[in-house]
Amino acid sequence: MKSKKNKLSNRERDDQLNYLFKSVYELSQELRMTRSLFENYIIWKKDVKKFTKHLQYEEAKRKSEAREAEQTTGSGAPKTDS
């Protein structure tokens, strides 16, 4: 009987899922608003070109770091001496 007491009912599970979906939706709305405010601030400060150049530099840096990490891990195959 104890196992049944700990088990959630379908209604409780649905309520928890609805709460989770609502929270995720609200978080995404906040993120969109923040992004919009940030984009408007960049435009207002007239730093669009400088910011775009910075983003391109950061993207290139991330890609090169990913390549280096991939090369250090290797293919996983053992090396053979010829």
C-alpha atoms as a PDB file:
ATOM      1  CA  MET A   1       0.000   0.000   0.000  1.00  0.00           C
ATOM      2  CA  LYS A   2       2.900   2.385   0.600  1.00  0.00           C
ATOM      3  CA  SER A   3       3.899   2.393  -3.075  1.00  0.00           C
ATOM      4  CA  LYS A   4       0.441   3.597  -4.074  1.00  0.00           C
ATOM      5  CA  LYS A   5       0.660   6.492  -1.610  1.00  0.00           C
ATOM      6  CA  ASN A   6       3.820   7.850  -3.285  1.00  0.00           C
ATOM      7  CA  LYS A   7       2.430   7.449  -6.784  1.00  0.00           C
ATOM      8  CA  LEU A   8       1.113  10.604  -8.464  1.00  0.00           C
ATOM      9  CA  SER A   9      -2.348  10.653  -9.891  1.00  0.00           C
ATOM     10  CA  ASN A  10      -2.851  11.593 -13.522  1.00  0.00           C
ATOM     11  CA  ARG A  11      -4.357  14.912 -12.480  1.00  0.00           C
ATOM     12  CA  GLU A  12      -1.367  15.784 -10.276  1.00  0.00           C
ATOM     13  CA  ARG A  13       1.024  14.804 -13.044  1.00  0.00           C
ATOM     14  CA  ASP A  14      -0.907  16.923 -15.552  1.00  0.00           C
ATOM     15  CA  ASP A  15      -0.891  19.880 -13.156  1.00  0.00           C
ATOM     16  CA  GLN A  16       2.865  19.593 -12.742  1.00  0.00           C
ATOM     17  CA  LEU A  17       3.404  19.362 -16.500  1.00  0.00           C
ATOM     18  CA  ASN A  18       1.168  22.381 -17.098  1.00  0.00           C
ATOM     19  CA  TYR A  19       3.106  24.338 -14.485  1.00  0.00           C
ATOM     20  CA  LEU A  20       6.380  23.337 -16.130  1.00  0.00           C
ATOM     21  CA  PHE A  21       5.189  24.345 -19.609  1.00  0.00           C
ATOM     22  CA  LYS A  22       3.885  27.658 -18.274  1.00  0.00           C
ATOM     23  CA  SER A  23       7.220  28.361 -16.587  1.00  0.00           C
ATOM     24  CA  VAL A  24       9.193  27.540 -19.730  1.00  0.00           C
ATOM     25  CA  TYR A  25       6.901  29.746 -21.830  1.00  0.00           C
ATOM     26  CA  GLU A  26       7.278  32.673 -19.418  1.00  0.00           C
ATOM     27  CA  LEU A  27      11.038  32.237 -19.412  1.00  0.00           C
ATOM     28  CA  SER A  28      11.143  32.260 -23.216  1.00  0.00           C
ATOM     29  CA  GLN A  29       9.051  35.459 -23.226  1.00  0.00           C
ATOM     30  CA  GLU A  30      11.503  37.095 -20.808  1.00  0.00           C
ATOM     31  CA  LEU A  31      14.419  36.017 -22.973  1.00  0.00           C
ATOM     32  CA  ARG A  32      12.780  37.481 -26.091  1.00  0.00           C
ATOM     33  CA  MET A  33      12.141  40.757 -24.288  1.00  0.00           C
ATOM     34  CA  THR A  34      15.743  40.911 -23.054  1.00  0.00           C
ATOM     35  CA  ARG A  35      17.046  40.201 -26.536  1.00  0.00           C
ATOM     36  CA  SER A  36      14.833  42.898 -28.019  1.00  0.00           C
ATOM     37  CA  LEU A  37      15.963  45.433 -25.428  1.00  0.00           C
ATOM     38  CA  PHE A  38      19.593  44.537 -26.018  1.00  0.00           C
ATOM     39  CA  GLU A  39      19.224  44.841 -29.803  1.00  0.00           C
ATOM     40  CA  ASN A  40      17.532  48.222 -29.425  1.00  0.00           C
ATOM     41  CA  TYR A  41      20.288  49.376 -27.085  1.00  0.00           C
ATOM     42  CA  ILE A  42      22.976  48.356 -29.580  1.00  0.00           C
ATOM     43  CA  ILE A  43      21.181  50.227 -32.356  1.00  0.00           C
ATOM     44  CA  TRP A  44      20.669  53.248 -30.109  1.00  0.00           C
ATOM     45  CA  LYS A  45      24.372  53.354 -29.199  1.00  0.00           C
ATOM     46  CA  LYS A  46      25.266  53.014 -32.908  1.00  0.00           C
ATOM     47  CA  ASP A  47      27.656  50.142 -32.160  1.00  0.00           C
ATOM     48  CA  VAL A  48      26.117  47.676 -34.607  1.00  0.00           C
ATOM     49  CA  LYS A  49      29.210  47.245 -36.793  1.00  0.00           C
ATOM     50  CA  LYS A  50      31.552  46.957 -33.823  1.00  0.00           C
ATOM     51  CA  PHE A  51      29.247  44.497 -32.072  1.00  0.00           C
ATOM     52  CA  THR A  52      28.799  42.410 -35.240  1.00  0.00           C
ATOM     53  CA  LYS A  53      32.581  42.261 -35.668  1.00  0.00           C
ATOM     54  CA  HIS A  54      32.923  41.157 -32.036  1.00  0.00           C
ATOM     55  CA  LEU A  55      30.296  38.405 -32.509  1.00  0.00           C
ATOM     56  CA  GLN A  56      32.064  37.133 -35.640  1.00  0.00           C
ATOM     57  CA  TYR A  57      35.361  37.034 -33.747  1.00  0.00           C
ATOM     58  CA  GLU A  58      33.770  35.126 -30.860  1.00  0.00           C
ATOM     59  CA  GLU A  59      32.157  32.641 -33.254  1.00  0.00           C
ATOM     60  CA  ALA A  60      35.458  32.009 -35.022  1.00  0.00           C
ATOM     61  CA  LYS A  61      37.148  31.547 -31.639  1.00  0.00           C
ATOM     62  CA  ARG A  62      34.507  29.010 -30.521  1.00  0.00           C
ATOM     63  CA  LYS A  63      34.857  27.067 -33.774  1.00  0.00           C
ATOM     64  CA  SER A  64      38.647  26.927 -33.500  1.00  0.00           C
ATOM     65  CA  GLU A  65      38.396  25.780 -29.857  1.00  0.00           C
ATOM     66  CA  ALA A  66      35.925  23.081 -30.888  1.00  0.00           C
ATOM     67  CA  ARG A  67      38.277  21.922 -33.643  1.00  0.00           C
ATOM     68  CA  GLU A  68      41.206  21.793 -31.195  1.00  0.00           C
ATOM     69  CA  ALA A  69      39.149  19.807 -28.702  1.00  0.00           C
ATOM     70  CA  GLU A  70      38.099  17.408 -31.437  1.00  0.00           C
ATOM     71  CA  GLN A  71      41.695  16.918 -32.548  1.00  0.00           C
ATOM     72  CA  THR A  72      42.925  16.244 -29.017  1.00  0.00           C
ATOM     73  CA  THR A  73      40.290  13.569 -28.423  1.00  0.00           C
ATOM     74  CA  GLY A  74      41.136  11.963 -31.754  1.00  0.00           C
ATOM     75  CA  SER A  75      39.151   9.322 -33.551  1.00  0.00           C
ATOM     76  CA  GLY A  76      39.357   6.838 -30.716  1.00  0.00           C
ATOM     77  CA  ALA A  77      41.170   4.267 -32.857  1.00  0.00           C
ATOM     78  CA  PRO A  78      44.437   2.943 -31.422  1.00  0.00           C
ATOM     79  CA  LYS A  79      47.600   4.189 -33.072  1.00  0.00           C
ATOM     80  CA  THR A  80      49.694   1.633 -34.923  1.00  0.00           C
ATOM     81  CA  ASP A  81      53.437   1.977 -35.425  1.00  0.00           C
ATOM     82  CA  SER A  82      54.508   1.284 -39.000  1.00  0.00           C
END
